[in-house]
Amino acid sequence: MAPEVKFWPPTVEEARPTHCPRCGIGAREGGTLWLYGHGLVTRQQRGPAAPGAKATCEEVVVRRYLCLKCPTVIRVVPASCVPGKHFSGAAIALALALWGCAGQSAAEVREQVNDWRVRGAAARGWRTLRRWAAEVGAGALFSGLGLGVLAGSPREVARRAAQALAGHAPLAWRSAPIEHQAQLGYCHVT
């Protein structure tokens, strides 16, 4: 998770974590600098950048730090990134809303959210939607919503998550389609 910064990537000092998430040592504990800047890398982030935009694959700069005590590498990413996902949090929110609230098929959702156009001859739907819904239902994805564990079909879980995300959208967007509200609401949940 990234600190609140005006420009990305932040400076080494702006982004430096306060402590190591693995061993817990403070960044400057005992007057010693324990979390050293360890360079910049890029990672991909897929999905539409804004409501109604075409899906793209962008490279996002990630700042790394090395803990000298344990040695763990800590990555500081923009708030749009979701750990372990190639898609942005807003893209996942959009997909869940299109599938769970707008009732679109998995194939239709994939066309709007995924920039990859080449598919196998036997491909149907988009299994990733069910995976995301299962992670939301288990409380592992979008845990900032405070929904806890959700029961129900994958579409029902997707609908409930999308509604909760839409509730965090800016007031100016309240008359927009729910999928746009969910996409923008993600930015206010993280």
Protein backbone atom coordinates (compact mmCIF):
# COMPACT_ATOMS: atom_id res chain seq x y z
CA MET A 1 0.00 0.00 0.00
CA ALA A 2 1.28 3.39 -0.90
CA PRO A 3 1.37 6.42 1.33
CA GLU A 4 -0.60 9.48 0.25
CA VAL A 5 1.63 11.21 -2.28
CA LYS A 6 0.92 13.80 -4.93
CA PHE A 7 3.14 12.38 -7.70
CA TRP A 8 4.04 8.77 -8.53
CA PRO A 9 6.59 7.40 -8.02
CA PRO A 10 7.26 9.12 -4.71
CA THR A 11 10.77 9.90 -3.54
CA VAL A 12 12.64 7.26 -1.57
CA GLU A 13 11.96 9.13 1.68
CA GLU A 14 8.24 9.78 0.95
CA ALA A 15 7.53 6.12 0.23
CA ARG A 16 9.72 4.54 2.90
CA PRO A 17 7.55 2.23 5.05
CA THR A 18 7.45 3.01 8.77
CA HIS A 19 8.42 -0.56 9.66
CA CYS A 20 9.16 -3.95 8.13
CA PRO A 21 5.96 -6.00 7.79
CA ARG A 22 7.86 -9.24 8.39
CA CYS A 23 10.09 -8.57 11.40
CA GLY A 24 8.46 -5.36 12.63
CA ILE A 25 11.61 -3.30 13.00
CA GLY A 26 11.14 0.44 12.57
CA ALA A 27 12.58 2.08 9.47
CA ARG A 28 14.99 4.13 11.62
CA GLU A 29 14.89 2.22 14.89
CA GLY A 30 17.70 3.01 17.31
CA GLY A 31 19.05 5.72 15.04
CA THR A 32 19.97 3.14 12.37
CA LEU A 33 18.39 3.07 8.91
CA TRP A 34 17.02 -0.47 8.56
CA LEU A 35 14.87 -0.05 5.41
CA TYR A 36 17.09 0.91 2.49
CA GLY A 37 15.81 1.98 -0.92
CA HIS A 38 16.27 -1.05 -3.18
CA GLY A 39 15.44 0.42 -6.59
CA LEU A 40 12.52 0.76 -8.94
CA VAL A 41 10.83 -2.00 -10.91
CA THR A 42 7.71 -2.06 -13.05
CA ARG A 43 4.67 -4.29 -12.97
CA GLN A 44 1.70 -4.54 -15.25
CA GLN A 45 -1.76 -3.31 -14.41
CA ARG A 46 -4.70 -4.22 -16.63
CA GLY A 47 -8.17 -2.84 -17.09
CA PRO A 48 -9.86 0.42 -18.05
CA ALA A 49 -8.33 3.49 -16.39
CA ALA A 50 -11.67 5.31 -16.04
CA PRO A 51 -15.39 4.58 -16.41
CA GLY A 52 -16.21 3.97 -20.06
CA ALA A 53 -12.55 3.81 -21.13
CA LYS A 54 -11.06 1.00 -23.18
CA ALA A 55 -9.14 -1.71 -21.30
CA THR A 56 -5.38 -1.35 -21.50
CA CYS A 57 -2.23 -2.81 -20.00
CA GLU A 58 -0.10 -0.15 -18.33
CA GLU A 59 3.24 -0.40 -16.61
CA VAL A 60 3.28 0.88 -13.04
CA VAL A 61 6.47 1.87 -11.24
CA VAL A 62 7.04 0.06 -7.95
CA ARG A 63 9.52 1.33 -5.36
CA ARG A 64 11.34 -1.38 -3.38
CA TYR A 65 13.01 -1.38 0.03
CA LEU A 66 15.32 -3.92 1.61
CA CYS A 67 15.10 -4.70 5.32
CA LEU A 68 18.62 -5.20 6.62
CA LYS A 69 17.47 -7.18 9.63
CA CYS A 70 15.43 -10.04 8.13
CA PRO A 71 16.19 -9.40 4.78
CA THR A 72 12.77 -8.85 3.23
CA VAL A 73 12.08 -6.88 0.08
CA ILE A 74 9.10 -4.56 0.56
CA ARG A 75 7.26 -3.17 -2.44
CA VAL A 76 5.43 0.15 -2.32
CA VAL A 77 2.79 0.38 -5.05
CA PRO A 78 0.10 2.91 -5.98
CA ALA A 79 -3.30 2.46 -4.36
CA SER A 80 -4.72 1.23 -7.68
CA CYS A 81 -2.69 -2.00 -7.41
CA VAL A 82 -4.10 -5.11 -5.77
CA PRO A 83 -1.52 -7.54 -4.34
CA GLY A 84 -1.14 -10.61 -6.53
CA LYS A 85 -3.43 -9.33 -9.29
CA HIS A 86 -2.64 -8.17 -12.80
CA PHE A 87 -5.85 -6.13 -12.87
CA SER A 88 -6.32 -2.84 -11.04
CA GLY A 89 -8.71 -2.76 -8.11
CA ALA A 90 -11.00 -0.44 -10.08
CA ALA A 91 -11.06 -2.93 -12.99
CA ILE A 92 -11.99 -5.77 -10.64
CA ALA A 93 -14.72 -3.62 -9.09
CA LEU A 94 -16.05 -2.81 -12.57
CA ALA A 95 -16.04 -6.48 -13.57
CA LEU A 96 -17.90 -7.56 -10.43
CA ALA A 97 -20.52 -4.84 -10.95
CA LEU A 98 -21.05 -5.68 -14.62
CA TRP A 99 -21.43 -9.35 -13.79
CA GLY A 100 -23.27 -9.14 -10.48
CA CYS A 101 -25.46 -6.03 -10.88
CA ALA A 102 -25.80 -5.40 -14.62
CA GLY A 103 -26.32 -9.12 -15.33
CA GLN A 104 -23.82 -9.29 -18.17
CA SER A 105 -22.36 -12.63 -19.18
CA ALA A 106 -18.79 -13.44 -18.23
CA ALA A 107 -17.77 -13.15 -21.89
CA GLU A 108 -19.29 -9.66 -22.15
CA VAL A 109 -17.54 -8.55 -18.98
CA ARG A 110 -14.24 -9.91 -20.26
CA GLU A 111 -14.58 -7.86 -23.46
CA GLN A 112 -14.92 -4.65 -21.44
CA VAL A 113 -12.35 -5.26 -18.71
CA ASN A 114 -9.61 -7.41 -20.27
CA ASP A 115 -7.29 -6.01 -22.93
CA TRP A 116 -6.30 -9.48 -24.18
CA ARG A 117 -8.29 -10.30 -27.30
CA VAL A 118 -6.77 -13.64 -28.28
CA ARG A 119 -8.58 -16.62 -26.80
CA GLY A 120 -8.50 -20.35 -27.34
CA ALA A 121 -11.02 -21.96 -29.70
CA ALA A 122 -12.86 -23.69 -26.84
CA ALA A 123 -12.84 -20.69 -24.47
CA ARG A 124 -16.15 -19.75 -22.87
CA GLY A 125 -16.88 -17.03 -20.34
CA TRP A 126 -14.21 -15.81 -17.97
CA ARG A 127 -13.30 -18.00 -14.98
CA THR A 128 -11.48 -15.11 -13.33
CA LEU A 129 -14.84 -13.56 -12.30
CA ARG A 130 -15.71 -16.60 -10.19
CA ARG A 131 -12.22 -16.56 -8.65
CA TRP A 132 -12.55 -12.89 -7.70
CA ALA A 133 -16.03 -13.48 -6.28
CA ALA A 134 -14.71 -16.39 -4.20
CA GLU A 135 -11.90 -14.19 -2.85
CA VAL A 136 -14.38 -11.43 -1.97
CA GLY A 137 -16.65 -14.01 -0.32
CA ALA A 138 -13.76 -15.29 1.78
CA GLY A 139 -12.82 -11.76 2.85
CA ALA A 140 -9.46 -11.91 1.05
CA LEU A 141 -10.24 -9.32 -1.65
CA PHE A 142 -11.63 -5.85 -0.87
CA SER A 143 -11.31 -6.50 2.86
CA GLY A 144 -11.40 -2.71 3.37
CA LEU A 145 -15.14 -2.88 2.73
CA GLY A 146 -15.62 -4.69 6.03
CA LEU A 147 -18.08 -7.19 4.52
CA GLY A 148 -16.55 -10.17 6.29
CA VAL A 149 -17.30 -13.62 4.87
CA LEU A 150 -20.13 -13.61 2.33
CA ALA A 151 -22.28 -16.61 1.48
CA GLY A 152 -24.20 -17.10 -1.74
CA SER A 153 -23.58 -17.78 -5.40
CA PRO A 154 -20.59 -16.12 -7.04
CA ARG A 155 -22.89 -13.65 -8.84
CA GLU A 156 -24.64 -12.79 -5.59
CA VAL A 157 -21.31 -12.17 -3.84
CA ALA A 158 -20.19 -10.04 -6.81
CA ARG A 159 -23.44 -8.04 -6.59
CA ARG A 160 -23.06 -7.39 -2.87
CA ALA A 161 -19.42 -6.34 -3.24
CA ALA A 162 -20.25 -4.04 -6.17
CA GLN A 163 -23.06 -2.40 -4.20
CA ALA A 164 -20.76 -1.83 -1.24
CA LEU A 165 -18.08 -0.36 -3.52
CA ALA A 166 -20.67 1.88 -5.23
CA GLY A 167 -21.59 3.21 -1.80
CA HIS A 168 -18.08 4.69 -1.58
CA ALA A 169 -18.32 6.55 -4.92
CA PRO A 170 -18.17 10.36 -4.88
CA LEU A 171 -21.60 12.00 -4.60
CA ALA A 172 -21.25 13.55 -8.05
CA TRP A 173 -21.35 10.05 -9.56
CA ARG A 174 -24.47 8.79 -7.74
CA SER A 175 -26.64 9.07 -10.87
CA ALA A 176 -24.09 7.16 -13.01
CA PRO A 177 -24.50 3.45 -13.79
CA ILE A 178 -23.66 1.25 -10.82
CA GLU A 179 -20.64 -0.22 -12.60
CA HIS A 180 -19.10 3.26 -12.85
CA GLN A 181 -19.91 3.95 -9.21
CA ALA A 182 -18.26 0.68 -8.14
CA GLN A 183 -15.17 1.42 -10.22
CA LEU A 184 -14.78 4.87 -8.67
CA GLY A 185 -15.77 3.65 -5.21
CA TYR A 186 -12.74 1.35 -5.12
CA CYS A 187 -10.48 4.40 -5.05
CA HIS A 188 -12.10 5.51 -1.77
CA VAL A 189 -11.97 2.12 -0.06
CA THR A 190 -8.24 1.38 -0.23
